[in-house]
Amino acid sequence: MSKVCQITGKKPVVGNRILRKGLAKKKGGIGRHVTAVNRRRFEPNLQRRRLWVPELKRFVVVRLTARGLRTLEKKGVYKGLLEAGLI
């Protein structure tokens, strides 16, 4: 299953992990130098939640980020799921 939030649409993004070696100039060294750059993925904070929807009188299972959960709390479960096209 893909790592995408069903509410916000957030998905993994790619970035770099930069390795540096040496002592900073202000600490008496000759400066920091980049010794390696490795690719990495920043994963969304996905949660699997079983939410009660009073208007439908049933539970709905969604995969959403922590931000998506806050969005649903703010808008309301039914309205948020309706806008996302999940019901």
PDB file of N, CA and C in Angstrom:
ATOM      1  N   MET A   1       0.845  -1.182   0.000  1.00  0.00           N
ATOM      2  CA  MET A   1       0.000   0.000   0.000  1.00  0.00           C
ATOM      3  C   MET A   1       0.888   1.243   0.000  1.00  0.00           C
ATOM      4  N   SER A   2       0.493   2.239  -0.782  1.00  0.00           N
ATOM      5  CA  SER A   2       1.324   3.431  -0.892  1.00  0.00           C
ATOM      6  C   SER A   2       1.256   4.261   0.380  1.00  0.00           C
ATOM      7  N   LYS A   3       2.337   5.004   0.635  1.00  0.00           N
ATOM      8  CA  LYS A   3       2.424   5.815   1.844  1.00  0.00           C
ATOM      9  C   LYS A   3       1.914   7.220   1.552  1.00  0.00           C
ATOM     10  N   VAL A   4       0.598   7.337   1.328  1.00  0.00           N
ATOM     11  CA  VAL A   4      -0.030   8.618   1.003  1.00  0.00           C
ATOM     12  C   VAL A   4      -1.179   8.852   1.960  1.00  0.00           C
ATOM     13  N   CYS A   5      -1.267  10.073   2.491  1.00  0.00           N
ATOM     14  CA  CYS A   5      -2.371  10.448   3.376  1.00  0.00           C
ATOM     15  C   CYS A   5      -3.637  10.598   2.540  1.00  0.00           C
ATOM     16  N   GLN A   6      -4.720   9.980   2.965  1.00  0.00           N
ATOM     17  CA  GLN A   6      -5.967  10.035   2.217  1.00  0.00           C
ATOM     18  C   GLN A   6      -6.676  11.378   2.386  1.00  0.00           C
ATOM     19  N   ILE A   7      -6.298  12.163   3.366  1.00  0.00           N
ATOM     20  CA  ILE A   7      -6.938  13.454   3.610  1.00  0.00           C
ATOM     21  C   ILE A   7      -6.129  14.600   2.993  1.00  0.00           C
ATOM     22  N   THR A   8      -4.849  14.687   3.318  1.00  0.00           N
ATOM     23  CA  THR A   8      -4.033  15.812   2.866  1.00  0.00           C
ATOM     24  C   THR A   8      -3.292  15.528   1.563  1.00  0.00           C
ATOM     25  N   GLY A   9      -3.115  14.253   1.221  1.00  0.00           N
ATOM     26  CA  GLY A   9      -2.383  13.898   0.007  1.00  0.00           C
ATOM     27  C   GLY A   9      -0.874  13.911   0.175  1.00  0.00           C
ATOM     28  N   LYS A  10      -0.395  14.058   1.417  1.00  0.00           N
ATOM     29  CA  LYS A  10       1.054  14.070   1.641  1.00  0.00           C
ATOM     30  C   LYS A  10       1.632  12.706   1.313  1.00  0.00           C
ATOM     31  N   LYS A  11       2.836  12.716   0.699  1.00  0.00           N
ATOM     32  CA  LYS A  11       3.521  11.477   0.348  1.00  0.00           C
ATOM     33  C   LYS A  11       5.012  11.643   0.608  1.00  0.00           C
ATOM     34  N   PRO A  12       5.793  10.559   0.507  1.00  0.00           N
ATOM     35  CA  PRO A  12       7.223  10.679   0.786  1.00  0.00           C
ATOM     36  C   PRO A  12       7.909  11.641  -0.180  1.00  0.00           C
ATOM     37  N   VAL A  13       8.885  12.398   0.339  1.00  0.00           N
ATOM     38  CA  VAL A  13       9.705  13.268  -0.497  1.00  0.00           C
ATOM     39  C   VAL A  13      11.156  12.835  -0.346  1.00  0.00           C
ATOM     40  N   VAL A  14      11.960  13.158  -1.343  1.00  0.00           N
ATOM     41  CA  VAL A  14      13.354  12.724  -1.367  1.00  0.00           C
ATOM     42  C   VAL A  14      14.249  13.911  -1.048  1.00  0.00           C
ATOM     43  N   GLY A  15      15.287  13.647  -0.256  1.00  0.00           N
ATOM     44  CA  GLY A  15      16.235  14.691   0.108  1.00  0.00           C
ATOM     45  C   GLY A  15      17.620  14.102   0.274  1.00  0.00           C
ATOM     46  N   ASN A  16      18.493  14.858   0.903  1.00  0.00           N
ATOM     47  CA  ASN A  16      19.874  14.424   1.096  1.00  0.00           C
ATOM     48  C   ASN A  16      20.232  14.368   2.573  1.00  0.00           C
ATOM     49  N   ARG A  17      21.121  13.430   2.898  1.00  0.00           N
ATOM     50  CA  ARG A  17      21.740  13.371   4.214  1.00  0.00           C
ATOM     51  C   ARG A  17      23.190  13.768   3.986  1.00  0.00           C
ATOM     52  N   ILE A  18      23.596  14.891   4.550  1.00  0.00           N
ATOM     53  CA  ILE A  18      24.920  15.431   4.295  1.00  0.00           C
ATOM     54  C   ILE A  18      25.836  15.121   5.476  1.00  0.00           C
ATOM     55  N   LEU A  19      26.961  14.448   5.203  1.00  0.00           N
ATOM     56  CA  LEU A  19      27.951  14.136   6.233  1.00  0.00           C
ATOM     57  C   LEU A  19      29.060  15.173   6.180  1.00  0.00           C
ATOM     58  N   ARG A  20      29.397  15.724   7.327  1.00  0.00           N
ATOM     59  CA  ARG A  20      30.446  16.731   7.408  1.00  0.00           C
ATOM     60  C   ARG A  20      31.524  16.263   8.375  1.00  0.00           C
ATOM     61  N   LYS A  21      32.762  16.691   8.120  1.00  0.00           N
ATOM     62  CA  LYS A  21      33.869  16.316   8.980  1.00  0.00           C
ATOM     63  C   LYS A  21      34.709  17.554   9.253  1.00  0.00           C
ATOM     64  N   GLY A  22      35.316  17.615  10.415  1.00  0.00           N
ATOM     65  CA  GLY A  22      36.185  18.731  10.750  1.00  0.00           C
ATOM     66  C   GLY A  22      35.613  19.578  11.876  1.00  0.00           C
ATOM     67  N   LEU A  23      36.417  20.517  12.337  1.00  0.00           N
ATOM     68  CA  LEU A  23      36.039  21.406  13.429  1.00  0.00           C
ATOM     69  C   LEU A  23      35.736  22.784  12.860  1.00  0.00           C
ATOM     70  N   ALA A  24      34.656  23.391  13.339  1.00  0.00           N
ATOM     71  CA  ALA A  24      34.248  24.706  12.844  1.00  0.00           C
ATOM     72  C   ALA A  24      35.343  25.742  13.090  1.00  0.00           C
ATOM     73  N   LYS A  25      35.415  26.738  12.197  1.00  0.00           N
ATOM     74  CA  LYS A  25      36.439  27.788  12.315  1.00  0.00           C
ATOM     75  C   LYS A  25      36.316  28.558  13.615  1.00  0.00           C
ATOM     76  N   LYS A  26      35.062  28.844  14.023  1.00  0.00           N
ATOM     77  CA  LYS A  26      34.893  29.622  15.260  1.00  0.00           C
ATOM     78  C   LYS A  26      35.265  28.826  16.506  1.00  0.00           C
ATOM     79  N   LYS A  27      35.464  27.512  16.340  1.00  0.00           N
ATOM     80  CA  LYS A  27      35.922  26.691  17.463  1.00  0.00           C
ATOM     81  C   LYS A  27      37.412  26.381  17.360  1.00  0.00           C
ATOM     82  N   GLY A  28      38.105  27.065  16.433  1.00  0.00           N
ATOM     83  CA  GLY A  28      39.543  26.889  16.330  1.00  0.00           C
ATOM     84  C   GLY A  28      40.008  25.912  15.273  1.00  0.00           C
ATOM     85  N   GLY A  29      39.081  25.410  14.471  1.00  0.00           N
ATOM     86  CA  GLY A  29      39.472  24.459  13.438  1.00  0.00           C
ATOM     87  C   GLY A  29      39.688  25.143  12.096  1.00  0.00           C
ATOM     88  N   ILE A  30      39.810  24.327  11.050  1.00  0.00           N
ATOM     89  CA  ILE A  30      40.026  24.879   9.711  1.00  0.00           C
ATOM     90  C   ILE A  30      38.732  24.897   8.899  1.00  0.00           C
ATOM     91  N   GLY A  31      37.611  24.541   9.522  1.00  0.00           N
ATOM     92  CA  GLY A  31      36.314  24.575   8.838  1.00  0.00           C
ATOM     93  C   GLY A  31      35.756  23.182   8.624  1.00  0.00           C
ATOM     94  N   ARG A  32      34.460  23.152   8.402  1.00  0.00           N
ATOM     95  CA  ARG A  32      33.778  21.878   8.163  1.00  0.00           C
ATOM     96  C   ARG A  32      33.769  21.584   6.670  1.00  0.00           C
ATOM     97  N   HIS A  33      33.903  20.308   6.319  1.00  0.00           N
ATOM     98  CA  HIS A  33      33.909  19.919   4.911  1.00  0.00           C
ATOM     99  C   HIS A  33      32.919  18.792   4.688  1.00  0.00           C
ATOM    100  N   VAL A  34      32.201  18.857   3.582  1.00  0.00           N
ATOM    101  CA  VAL A  34      31.258  17.807   3.211  1.00  0.00           C
ATOM    102  C   VAL A  34      32.051  16.623   2.694  1.00  0.00           C
ATOM    103  N   THR A  35      31.826  15.463   3.291  1.00  0.00           N
ATOM    104  CA  THR A  35      32.556  14.268   2.876  1.00  0.00           C
ATOM    105  C   THR A  35      31.670  13.277   2.130  1.00  0.00           C
ATOM    106  N   ALA A  36      30.347  13.372   2.286  1.00  0.00           N
ATOM    107  CA  ALA A  36      29.449  12.453   1.587  1.00  0.00           C
ATOM    108  C   ALA A  36      28.048  13.047   1.540  1.00  0.00           C
ATOM    109  N   VAL A  37      27.342  12.730   0.465  1.00  0.00           N
ATOM    110  CA  VAL A  37      25.945  13.130   0.327  1.00  0.00           C
ATOM    111  C   VAL A  37      25.169  11.877  -0.053  1.00  0.00           C
ATOM    112  N   ASN A  38      24.260  11.457   0.808  1.00  0.00           N
ATOM    113  CA  ASN A  38      23.469  10.255   0.572  1.00  0.00           C
ATOM    114  C   ASN A  38      22.010  10.621   0.386  1.00  0.00           C
ATOM    115  N   ARG A  39      21.345   9.957  -0.547  1.00  0.00           N
ATOM    116  CA  ARG A  39      19.922  10.180  -0.773  1.00  0.00           C
ATOM    117  C   ARG A  39      19.125   9.519   0.356  1.00  0.00           C
ATOM    118  N   ARG A  40      18.015  10.143   0.731  1.00  0.00           N
ATOM    119  CA  ARG A  40      17.136   9.562   1.744  1.00  0.00           C
ATOM    120  C   ARG A  40      15.716   9.978   1.465  1.00  0.00           C
ATOM    121  N   ARG A  41      14.776   9.309   2.136  1.00  0.00           N
ATOM    122  CA  ARG A  41      13.350   9.623   1.976  1.00  0.00           C
ATOM    123  C   ARG A  41      12.798  10.164   3.285  1.00  0.00           C
ATOM    124  N   PHE A  42      12.000  11.216   3.182  1.00  0.00           N
ATOM    125  CA  PHE A  42      11.273  11.745   4.322  1.00  0.00           C
ATOM    126  C   PHE A  42       9.859  11.189   4.237  1.00  0.00           C
ATOM    127  N   GLU A  43       9.515  10.295   5.179  1.00  0.00           N
ATOM    128  CA  GLU A  43       8.219   9.620   5.153  1.00  0.00           C
ATOM    129  C   GLU A  43       7.165  10.429   5.922  1.00  0.00           C
ATOM    130  N   PRO A  44       5.915  10.429   5.453  1.00  0.00           N
ATOM    131  CA  PRO A  44       4.861  11.098   6.214  1.00  0.00           C
ATOM    132  C   PRO A  44       4.516  10.303   7.470  1.00  0.00           C
ATOM    133  N   ASN A  45       4.012  10.998   8.476  1.00  0.00           N
ATOM    134  CA  ASN A  45       3.662  10.369   9.752  1.00  0.00           C
ATOM    135  C   ASN A  45       2.276   9.731   9.630  1.00  0.00           C
ATOM    136  N   LEU A  46       2.220   8.570   8.962  1.00  0.00           N
ATOM    137  CA  LEU A  46       0.937   7.923   8.672  1.00  0.00           C
ATOM    138  C   LEU A  46       0.410   7.123   9.860  1.00  0.00           C
ATOM    139  N   GLN A  47      -0.891   7.239  10.071  1.00  0.00           N
ATOM    140  CA  GLN A  47      -1.592   6.501  11.109  1.00  0.00           C
ATOM    141  C   GLN A  47      -2.786   5.801  10.468  1.00  0.00           C
ATOM    142  N   ARG A  48      -3.115   4.627  10.960  1.00  0.00           N
ATOM    143  CA  ARG A  48      -4.331   3.938  10.505  1.00  0.00           C
ATOM    144  C   ARG A  48      -5.383   4.169  11.586  1.00  0.00           C
ATOM    145  N   ARG A  49      -6.474   4.818  11.220  1.00  0.00           N
ATOM    146  CA  ARG A  49      -7.500   5.180  12.205  1.00  0.00           C
ATOM    147  C   ARG A  49      -8.860   4.663  11.790  1.00  0.00           C
ATOM    148  N   ARG A  50      -9.606   4.215  12.768  1.00  0.00           N
ATOM    149  CA  ARG A  50     -10.980   3.748  12.583  1.00  0.00           C
ATOM    150  C   ARG A  50     -11.861   4.831  13.198  1.00  0.00           C
ATOM    151  N   LEU A  51     -12.516   5.614  12.353  1.00  0.00           N
ATOM    152  CA  LEU A  51     -13.268   6.780  12.806  1.00  0.00           C
ATOM    153  C   LEU A  51     -14.771   6.526  12.732  1.00  0.00           C
ATOM    154  N   TRP A  52     -15.475   6.941  13.769  1.00  0.00           N
ATOM    155  CA  TRP A  52     -16.934   6.820  13.788  1.00  0.00           C
ATOM    156  C   TRP A  52     -17.538   8.022  13.083  1.00  0.00           C
ATOM    157  N   VAL A  53     -18.428   7.753  12.115  1.00  0.00           N
ATOM    158  CA  VAL A  53     -19.113   8.824  11.391  1.00  0.00           C
ATOM    159  C   VAL A  53     -20.582   8.774  11.804  1.00  0.00           C
ATOM    160  N   PRO A  54     -21.015   9.724  12.664  1.00  0.00           N
ATOM    161  CA  PRO A  54     -22.398   9.680  13.169  1.00  0.00           C
ATOM    162  C   PRO A  54     -23.449   9.804  12.074  1.00  0.00           C
ATOM    163  N   GLU A  55     -23.162  10.584  11.028  1.00  0.00           N
ATOM    164  CA  GLU A  55     -24.138  10.771   9.946  1.00  0.00           C
ATOM    165  C   GLU A  55     -24.406   9.479   9.180  1.00  0.00           C
ATOM    166  N   LEU A  56     -23.392   8.620   9.093  1.00  0.00           N
ATOM    167  CA  LEU A  56     -23.545   7.336   8.388  1.00  0.00           C
ATOM    168  C   LEU A  56     -23.840   6.192   9.343  1.00  0.00           C
ATOM    169  N   LYS A  57     -23.656   6.445  10.644  1.00  0.00           N
ATOM    170  CA  LYS A  57     -23.838   5.425  11.692  1.00  0.00           C
ATOM    171  C   LYS A  57     -22.950   4.204  11.449  1.00  0.00           C
ATOM    172  N   ARG A  58     -21.678   4.455  11.084  1.00  0.00           N
ATOM    173  CA  ARG A  58     -20.732   3.365  10.876  1.00  0.00           C
ATOM    174  C   ARG A  58     -19.305   3.875  11.034  1.00  0.00           C
ATOM    175  N   PHE A  59     -18.372   2.941  11.146  1.00  0.00           N
ATOM    176  CA  PHE A  59     -16.958   3.275  11.229  1.00  0.00           C
ATOM    177  C   PHE A  59     -16.362   3.333   9.823  1.00  0.00           C
ATOM    178  N   VAL A  60     -15.388   4.199   9.637  1.00  0.00           N
ATOM    179  CA  VAL A  60     -14.633   4.291   8.385  1.00  0.00           C
ATOM    180  C   VAL A  60     -13.158   4.189   8.740  1.00  0.00           C
ATOM    181  N   VAL A  61     -12.421   3.310   8.045  1.00  0.00           N
ATOM    182  CA  VAL A  61     -10.997   3.133   8.296  1.00  0.00           C
ATOM    183  C   VAL A  61     -10.229   3.960   7.267  1.00  0.00           C
ATOM    184  N   VAL A  62      -9.350   4.838   7.751  1.00  0.00           N
ATOM    185  CA  VAL A  62      -8.553   5.685   6.860  1.00  0.00           C
ATOM    186  C   VAL A  62      -7.091   5.652   7.272  1.00  0.00           C
ATOM    187  N   ARG A  63      -6.203   5.887   6.294  1.00  0.00           N
ATOM    188  CA  ARG A  63      -4.765   6.062   6.563  1.00  0.00           C
ATOM    189  C   ARG A  63      -4.488   7.541   6.390  1.00  0.00           C
ATOM    190  N   LEU A  64      -4.136   8.195   7.478  1.00  0.00           N
ATOM    191  CA  LEU A  64      -3.939   9.624   7.423  1.00  0.00           C
ATOM    192  C   LEU A  64      -2.760  10.047   8.271  1.00  0.00           C
ATOM    193  N   THR A  65      -2.227  11.219   7.979  1.00  0.00           N
ATOM    194  CA  THR A  65      -1.121  11.754   8.762  1.00  0.00           C
ATOM    195  C   THR A  65      -1.670  12.390  10.033  1.00  0.00           C
ATOM    196  N   ALA A  66      -0.761  12.732  10.931  1.00  0.00           N
ATOM    197  CA  ALA A  66      -1.171  13.428  12.148  1.00  0.00           C
ATOM    198  C   ALA A  66      -1.816  14.759  11.791  1.00  0.00           C
ATOM    199  N   ARG A  67      -1.304  15.447  10.772  1.00  0.00           N
ATOM    200  CA  ARG A  67      -1.888  16.703  10.305  1.00  0.00           C
ATOM    201  C   ARG A  67      -3.299  16.473   9.755  1.00  0.00           C
ATOM    202  N   GLY A  68      -3.486  15.357   9.030  1.00  0.00           N
ATOM    203  CA  GLY A  68      -4.805  15.024   8.496  1.00  0.00           C
ATOM    204  C   GLY A  68      -5.810  14.761   9.607  1.00  0.00           C
ATOM    205  N   LEU A  69      -5.358  14.139  10.691  1.00  0.00           N
ATOM    206  CA  LEU A  69      -6.225  13.885  11.841  1.00  0.00           C
ATOM    207  C   LEU A  69      -6.668  15.191  12.477  1.00  0.00           C
ATOM    208  N   ARG A  70      -5.731  16.150  12.572  1.00  0.00           N
ATOM    209  CA  ARG A  70      -6.079  17.467  13.119  1.00  0.00           C
ATOM    210  C   ARG A  70      -7.073  18.184  12.209  1.00  0.00           C
ATOM    211  N   THR A  71      -6.916  18.000  10.901  1.00  0.00           N
ATOM    212  CA  THR A  71      -7.842  18.605   9.943  1.00  0.00           C
ATOM    213  C   THR A  71      -9.245  18.057  10.147  1.00  0.00           C
ATOM    214  N   LEU A  72      -9.349  16.731  10.328  1.00  0.00           N
ATOM    215  CA  LEU A  72     -10.663  16.125  10.541  1.00  0.00           C
ATOM    216  C   LEU A  72     -11.288  16.586  11.852  1.00  0.00           C
ATOM    217  N   GLU A  73     -10.464  16.778  12.878  1.00  0.00           N
ATOM    218  CA  GLU A  73     -10.986  17.273  14.150  1.00  0.00           C
ATOM    219  C   GLU A  73     -11.529  18.687  14.008  1.00  0.00           C
ATOM    220  N   LYS A  74     -10.877  19.468  13.168  1.00  0.00           N
ATOM    221  CA  LYS A  74     -11.284  20.860  12.971  1.00  0.00           C
ATOM    222  C   LYS A  74     -12.562  20.961  12.129  1.00  0.00           C
ATOM    223  N   LYS A  75     -12.601  20.248  10.990  1.00  0.00           N
ATOM    224  CA  LYS A  75     -13.728  20.339  10.068  1.00  0.00           C
ATOM    225  C   LYS A  75     -14.900  19.466  10.479  1.00  0.00           C
ATOM    226  N   GLY A  76     -14.589  18.369  11.137  1.00  0.00           N
ATOM    227  CA  GLY A  76     -15.596  17.355  11.413  1.00  0.00           C
ATOM    228  C   GLY A  76     -15.317  16.152  10.521  1.00  0.00           C
ATOM    229  N   VAL A  77     -15.583  14.971  11.038  1.00  0.00           N
ATOM    230  CA  VAL A  77     -15.223  13.748  10.314  1.00  0.00           C
ATOM    231  C   VAL A  77     -15.995  13.633   9.007  1.00  0.00           C
ATOM    232  N   TYR A  78     -17.297  13.838   9.049  1.00  0.00           N
ATOM    233  CA  TYR A  78     -18.117  13.650   7.849  1.00  0.00           C
ATOM    234  C   TYR A  78     -17.732  14.633   6.751  1.00  0.00           C
ATOM    235  N   LYS A  79     -17.621  15.914   7.103  1.00  0.00           N
ATOM    236  CA  LYS A  79     -17.294  16.939   6.108  1.00  0.00           C
ATOM    237  C   LYS A  79     -15.894  16.727   5.539  1.00  0.00           C
ATOM    238  N   GLY A  80     -14.937  16.385   6.397  1.00  0.00           N
ATOM    239  CA  GLY A  80     -13.568  16.155   5.941  1.00  0.00           C
ATOM    240  C   GLY A  80     -13.454  14.976   4.999  1.00  0.00           C
ATOM    241  N   LEU A  81     -14.116  13.863   5.323  1.00  0.00           N
ATOM    242  CA  LEU A  81     -14.095  12.686   4.463  1.00  0.00           C
ATOM    243  C   LEU A  81     -14.818  12.946   3.151  1.00  0.00           C
ATOM    244  N   LEU A  82     -15.883  13.738   3.211  1.00  0.00           N
ATOM    245  CA  LEU A  82     -16.650  14.080   2.015  1.00  0.00           C
ATOM    246  C   LEU A  82     -15.794  14.919   1.056  1.00  0.00           C
ATOM    247  N   GLU A  83     -15.062  15.902   1.587  1.00  0.00           N
ATOM    248  CA  GLU A  83     -14.198  16.754   0.762  1.00  0.00           C
ATOM    249  C   GLU A  83     -13.050  15.950   0.153  1.00  0.00           C
ATOM    250  N   ALA A  84     -12.573  14.937   0.876  1.00  0.00           N
ATOM    251  CA  ALA A  84     -11.476  14.107   0.369  1.00  0.00           C
ATOM    252  C   ALA A  84     -11.973  13.060  -0.621  1.00  0.00           C
ATOM    253  N   GLY A  85     -13.290  12.908  -0.754  1.00  0.00           N
ATOM    254  CA  GLY A  85     -13.858  11.938  -1.692  1.00  0.00           C
ATOM    255  C   GLY A  85     -13.816  10.516  -1.209  1.00  0.00           C
ATOM    256  N   LEU A  86     -13.783  10.328   0.128  1.00  0.00           N
ATOM    257  CA  LEU A  86     -13.706   8.978   0.691  1.00  0.00           C
ATOM    258  C   LEU A  86     -15.081   8.384   0.988  1.00  0.00           C
ATOM    259  N   ILE A  87     -16.104   9.217   1.039  1.00  0.00           N
ATOM    260  CA  ILE A  87     -17.476   8.699   1.243  1.00  0.00           C
ATOM    261  C   ILE A  87     -18.427   9.382   0.278  1.00  0.00           C
TER     262      ILE A  87
END
